[in-house]
Amino acid sequence: MPIDDEPVRIPITDVFDLHSVRPKEVEEVVEAYLEEAHNMGLKNIRIIHGRGIGVQRRIVRAVLGRTPFVASFGDAPEQAGGWGATIVTLR
């Protein structure tokens, strides 16, 4: 019988789609993803948070703004999600 509190292992790639993450877990999950992406040596990543009313976007950008190894971030190009995704450069 599966336990709901078991952590879900998500493969770390240069694109992370938050659509499968519960809203109350976004901050913690993004922090963990950034740490793993950084440890793997990824330099350019895209976080897909969706357009909606911008709640997840604000959470993602707050985390990015306080993460010391984030060099820069901003809206993705239109063909890569526009303001529904954030492009991040890691140090």
N, C-alpha and C. Protein backbone atom coordinates (compact mmCIF):
# COMPACT_ATOMS: atom_id res chain seq x y z
N MET A 1 0.84 -1.17 0.00
CA MET A 1 0.00 0.00 0.00
C MET A 1 0.90 1.24 0.00
N PRO A 2 0.75 2.15 -1.00
CA PRO A 2 1.60 3.34 -1.07
C PRO A 2 1.29 4.32 0.06
N ILE A 3 2.32 4.99 0.50
CA ILE A 3 2.16 6.00 1.54
C ILE A 3 2.22 7.37 0.88
N ASP A 4 1.24 8.22 1.15
CA ASP A 4 1.15 9.54 0.52
C ASP A 4 2.29 10.47 0.89
N ASP A 5 2.93 10.26 2.03
CA ASP A 5 4.00 11.15 2.47
C ASP A 5 5.36 10.75 1.92
N GLU A 6 5.43 9.70 1.13
CA GLU A 6 6.69 9.29 0.53
C GLU A 6 7.12 10.35 -0.48
N PRO A 7 8.41 10.74 -0.49
CA PRO A 7 8.85 11.71 -1.49
C PRO A 7 8.79 11.10 -2.88
N VAL A 8 8.44 11.93 -3.83
CA VAL A 8 8.39 11.51 -5.22
C VAL A 8 9.72 11.88 -5.86
N ARG A 9 10.38 10.94 -6.47
CA ARG A 9 11.66 11.20 -7.14
C ARG A 9 11.37 11.73 -8.54
N ILE A 10 11.88 12.90 -8.83
CA ILE A 10 11.68 13.53 -10.12
C ILE A 10 13.04 13.64 -10.80
N PRO A 11 13.17 13.14 -12.04
CA PRO A 11 14.45 13.27 -12.72
C PRO A 11 14.80 14.75 -12.92
N ILE A 12 16.05 15.09 -12.67
CA ILE A 12 16.48 16.48 -12.81
C ILE A 12 16.97 16.69 -14.24
N THR A 13 16.29 17.59 -14.95
CA THR A 13 16.68 17.98 -16.30
C THR A 13 16.72 19.50 -16.32
N ASP A 14 16.97 20.07 -17.49
CA ASP A 14 17.02 21.52 -17.59
C ASP A 14 15.64 22.17 -17.72
N VAL A 15 14.58 21.38 -17.68
CA VAL A 15 13.21 21.90 -17.69
C VAL A 15 12.45 21.27 -16.53
N PHE A 16 11.80 22.12 -15.73
CA PHE A 16 11.02 21.64 -14.60
C PHE A 16 9.62 22.21 -14.71
N ASP A 17 8.63 21.33 -14.87
CA ASP A 17 7.24 21.73 -15.01
C ASP A 17 6.54 21.58 -13.66
N LEU A 18 6.07 22.69 -13.11
CA LEU A 18 5.45 22.69 -11.79
C LEU A 18 3.97 22.30 -11.80
N HIS A 19 3.41 21.98 -12.96
CA HIS A 19 1.99 21.66 -13.02
C HIS A 19 1.62 20.44 -12.16
N SER A 20 2.57 19.56 -11.89
CA SER A 20 2.26 18.37 -11.09
C SER A 20 2.56 18.57 -9.59
N VAL A 21 2.99 19.78 -9.21
CA VAL A 21 3.35 20.06 -7.81
C VAL A 21 2.19 20.78 -7.13
N ARG A 22 1.85 20.31 -5.92
CA ARG A 22 0.79 20.97 -5.17
C ARG A 22 1.22 22.39 -4.80
N PRO A 23 0.31 23.36 -4.92
CA PRO A 23 0.67 24.76 -4.66
C PRO A 23 1.39 24.99 -3.33
N LYS A 24 0.97 24.31 -2.28
CA LYS A 24 1.61 24.54 -0.98
C LYS A 24 3.03 23.99 -0.91
N GLU A 25 3.44 23.19 -1.91
CA GLU A 25 4.77 22.60 -1.92
C GLU A 25 5.72 23.26 -2.92
N VAL A 26 5.23 24.24 -3.68
CA VAL A 26 6.03 24.84 -4.75
C VAL A 26 7.35 25.40 -4.23
N GLU A 27 7.31 26.18 -3.17
CA GLU A 27 8.53 26.81 -2.67
C GLU A 27 9.59 25.77 -2.31
N GLU A 28 9.21 24.79 -1.53
CA GLU A 28 10.15 23.75 -1.09
C GLU A 28 10.68 22.93 -2.26
N VAL A 29 9.81 22.59 -3.19
CA VAL A 29 10.21 21.78 -4.34
C VAL A 29 11.15 22.56 -5.26
N VAL A 30 10.87 23.83 -5.48
CA VAL A 30 11.74 24.65 -6.34
C VAL A 30 13.12 24.79 -5.69
N GLU A 31 13.16 25.01 -4.38
CA GLU A 31 14.45 25.10 -3.68
C GLU A 31 15.26 23.82 -3.87
N ALA A 32 14.61 22.67 -3.71
CA ALA A 32 15.29 21.38 -3.86
C ALA A 32 15.75 21.17 -5.31
N TYR A 33 14.89 21.52 -6.26
CA TYR A 33 15.24 21.38 -7.67
C TYR A 33 16.46 22.24 -8.01
N LEU A 34 16.46 23.48 -7.57
CA LEU A 34 17.59 24.37 -7.87
C LEU A 34 18.89 23.82 -7.30
N GLU A 35 18.83 23.33 -6.09
CA GLU A 35 20.02 22.76 -5.44
C GLU A 35 20.56 21.58 -6.26
N GLU A 36 19.67 20.68 -6.67
CA GLU A 36 20.10 19.52 -7.45
C GLU A 36 20.62 19.93 -8.83
N ALA A 37 19.92 20.85 -9.49
CA ALA A 37 20.36 21.32 -10.81
C ALA A 37 21.75 21.94 -10.70
N HIS A 38 21.96 22.73 -9.67
CA HIS A 38 23.26 23.36 -9.44
C HIS A 38 24.33 22.31 -9.18
N ASN A 39 24.03 21.34 -8.34
CA ASN A 39 24.98 20.26 -8.03
C ASN A 39 25.34 19.44 -9.26
N MET A 40 24.41 19.33 -10.20
CA MET A 40 24.66 18.59 -11.44
C MET A 40 25.44 19.42 -12.46
N GLY A 41 25.62 20.70 -12.19
CA GLY A 41 26.37 21.55 -13.10
C GLY A 41 25.54 22.18 -14.21
N LEU A 42 24.21 22.10 -14.10
CA LEU A 42 23.37 22.74 -15.11
C LEU A 42 23.55 24.25 -15.00
N LYS A 43 23.57 24.93 -16.13
CA LYS A 43 23.76 26.39 -16.14
C LYS A 43 22.53 27.14 -16.59
N ASN A 44 21.75 26.54 -17.47
CA ASN A 44 20.54 27.19 -17.99
C ASN A 44 19.36 26.25 -17.81
N ILE A 45 18.35 26.73 -17.09
CA ILE A 45 17.16 25.91 -16.85
C ILE A 45 15.91 26.73 -17.14
N ARG A 46 14.81 26.00 -17.30
CA ARG A 46 13.51 26.64 -17.52
C ARG A 46 12.54 26.04 -16.53
N ILE A 47 11.88 26.90 -15.77
CA ILE A 47 10.86 26.46 -14.82
C ILE A 47 9.51 26.89 -15.36
N ILE A 48 8.65 25.91 -15.62
CA ILE A 48 7.31 26.18 -16.15
C ILE A 48 6.35 26.26 -14.97
N HIS A 49 5.79 27.44 -14.75
CA HIS A 49 4.88 27.65 -13.64
C HIS A 49 3.46 27.93 -14.10
N GLY A 50 3.28 28.16 -15.38
CA GLY A 50 1.95 28.44 -15.91
C GLY A 50 1.63 29.93 -15.82
N ARG A 51 0.60 30.33 -16.51
CA ARG A 51 0.24 31.75 -16.56
C ARG A 51 -0.73 32.11 -15.45
N GLY A 52 -1.85 31.46 -15.38
CA GLY A 52 -2.81 31.68 -14.30
C GLY A 52 -2.89 33.12 -13.83
N ILE A 53 -2.95 33.29 -12.51
CA ILE A 53 -3.01 34.64 -11.93
C ILE A 53 -1.64 35.06 -11.38
N GLY A 54 -0.63 34.24 -11.57
CA GLY A 54 0.73 34.61 -11.23
C GLY A 54 1.23 34.23 -9.85
N VAL A 55 0.45 33.45 -9.11
CA VAL A 55 0.86 33.08 -7.75
C VAL A 55 2.13 32.23 -7.78
N GLN A 56 2.14 31.16 -8.58
CA GLN A 56 3.32 30.30 -8.64
C GLN A 56 4.52 31.06 -9.21
N ARG A 57 4.28 31.92 -10.17
CA ARG A 57 5.36 32.73 -10.74
C ARG A 57 6.02 33.57 -9.65
N ARG A 58 5.22 34.20 -8.81
CA ARG A 58 5.77 35.03 -7.72
C ARG A 58 6.56 34.19 -6.73
N ILE A 59 6.06 33.02 -6.41
CA ILE A 59 6.77 32.13 -5.48
C ILE A 59 8.12 31.71 -6.08
N VAL A 60 8.08 31.27 -7.34
CA VAL A 60 9.31 30.84 -8.02
C VAL A 60 10.33 31.97 -8.03
N ARG A 61 9.90 33.16 -8.37
CA ARG A 61 10.84 34.28 -8.49
C ARG A 61 11.34 34.75 -7.13
N ALA A 62 10.55 34.58 -6.09
CA ALA A 62 11.04 34.90 -4.75
C ALA A 62 12.16 33.95 -4.36
N VAL A 63 11.98 32.66 -4.66
CA VAL A 63 13.02 31.67 -4.37
C VAL A 63 14.27 31.98 -5.19
N LEU A 64 14.10 32.27 -6.47
CA LEU A 64 15.25 32.58 -7.33
C LEU A 64 16.00 33.80 -6.83
N GLY A 65 15.27 34.81 -6.38
CA GLY A 65 15.87 36.05 -5.93
C GLY A 65 16.73 35.90 -4.69
N ARG A 66 16.47 34.88 -3.89
CA ARG A 66 17.25 34.70 -2.66
C ARG A 66 18.24 33.53 -2.75
N THR A 67 18.35 32.92 -3.92
CA THR A 67 19.27 31.79 -4.10
C THR A 67 20.61 32.32 -4.60
N PRO A 68 21.67 32.15 -3.81
CA PRO A 68 22.95 32.79 -4.14
C PRO A 68 23.60 32.33 -5.45
N PHE A 69 23.32 31.12 -5.91
CA PHE A 69 23.95 30.66 -7.14
C PHE A 69 23.11 30.91 -8.38
N VAL A 70 22.04 31.69 -8.25
CA VAL A 70 21.25 32.12 -9.41
C VAL A 70 21.86 33.42 -9.93
N ALA A 71 22.34 33.39 -11.17
CA ALA A 71 22.96 34.57 -11.76
C ALA A 71 21.91 35.53 -12.31
N SER A 72 20.87 34.99 -12.95
CA SER A 72 19.82 35.83 -13.53
C SER A 72 18.59 34.99 -13.82
N PHE A 73 17.46 35.68 -14.01
CA PHE A 73 16.23 35.01 -14.40
C PHE A 73 15.28 36.02 -15.03
N GLY A 74 14.36 35.50 -15.85
CA GLY A 74 13.37 36.36 -16.51
C GLY A 74 12.38 35.51 -17.30
N ASP A 75 11.44 36.19 -17.94
CA ASP A 75 10.44 35.49 -18.74
C ASP A 75 11.10 34.69 -19.86
N ALA A 76 10.52 33.55 -20.14
CA ALA A 76 10.99 32.73 -21.26
C ALA A 76 10.57 33.40 -22.57
N PRO A 77 11.27 33.10 -23.67
CA PRO A 77 10.80 33.58 -24.97
C PRO A 77 9.39 33.03 -25.24
N GLU A 78 8.65 33.70 -26.05
CA GLU A 78 7.26 33.30 -26.31
C GLU A 78 7.14 31.84 -26.73
N GLN A 79 8.05 31.36 -27.59
CA GLN A 79 7.99 29.97 -28.07
C GLN A 79 8.35 28.96 -26.98
N ALA A 80 8.88 29.43 -25.84
CA ALA A 80 9.24 28.54 -24.73
C ALA A 80 8.35 28.77 -23.51
N GLY A 81 7.21 29.42 -23.71
CA GLY A 81 6.25 29.60 -22.62
C GLY A 81 5.97 31.03 -22.24
N GLY A 82 6.75 31.98 -22.75
CA GLY A 82 6.51 33.39 -22.42
C GLY A 82 6.48 33.60 -20.91
N TRP A 83 5.54 34.42 -20.44
CA TRP A 83 5.49 34.70 -19.01
C TRP A 83 4.94 33.54 -18.19
N GLY A 84 4.64 32.42 -18.83
CA GLY A 84 4.23 31.21 -18.13
C GLY A 84 5.41 30.33 -17.73
N ALA A 85 6.61 30.79 -18.05
CA ALA A 85 7.83 30.05 -17.70
C ALA A 85 8.93 31.05 -17.39
N THR A 86 9.87 30.64 -16.59
CA THR A 86 11.00 31.49 -16.23
C THR A 86 12.29 30.81 -16.64
N ILE A 87 13.12 31.55 -17.36
CA ILE A 87 14.44 31.09 -17.77
C ILE A 87 15.42 31.52 -16.68
N VAL A 88 16.28 30.59 -16.25
CA VAL A 88 17.21 30.85 -15.15
C VAL A 88 18.63 30.51 -15.59
N THR A 89 19.56 31.38 -15.24
CA THR A 89 20.98 31.12 -15.44
C THR A 89 21.61 30.90 -14.07
N LEU A 90 22.26 29.75 -13.91
CA LEU A 90 22.93 29.43 -12.65
C LEU A 90 24.43 29.71 -12.77
N ARG A 91 25.04 30.05 -11.66
CA ARG A 91 26.50 30.30 -11.63
C ARG A 91 27.25 28.98 -11.64
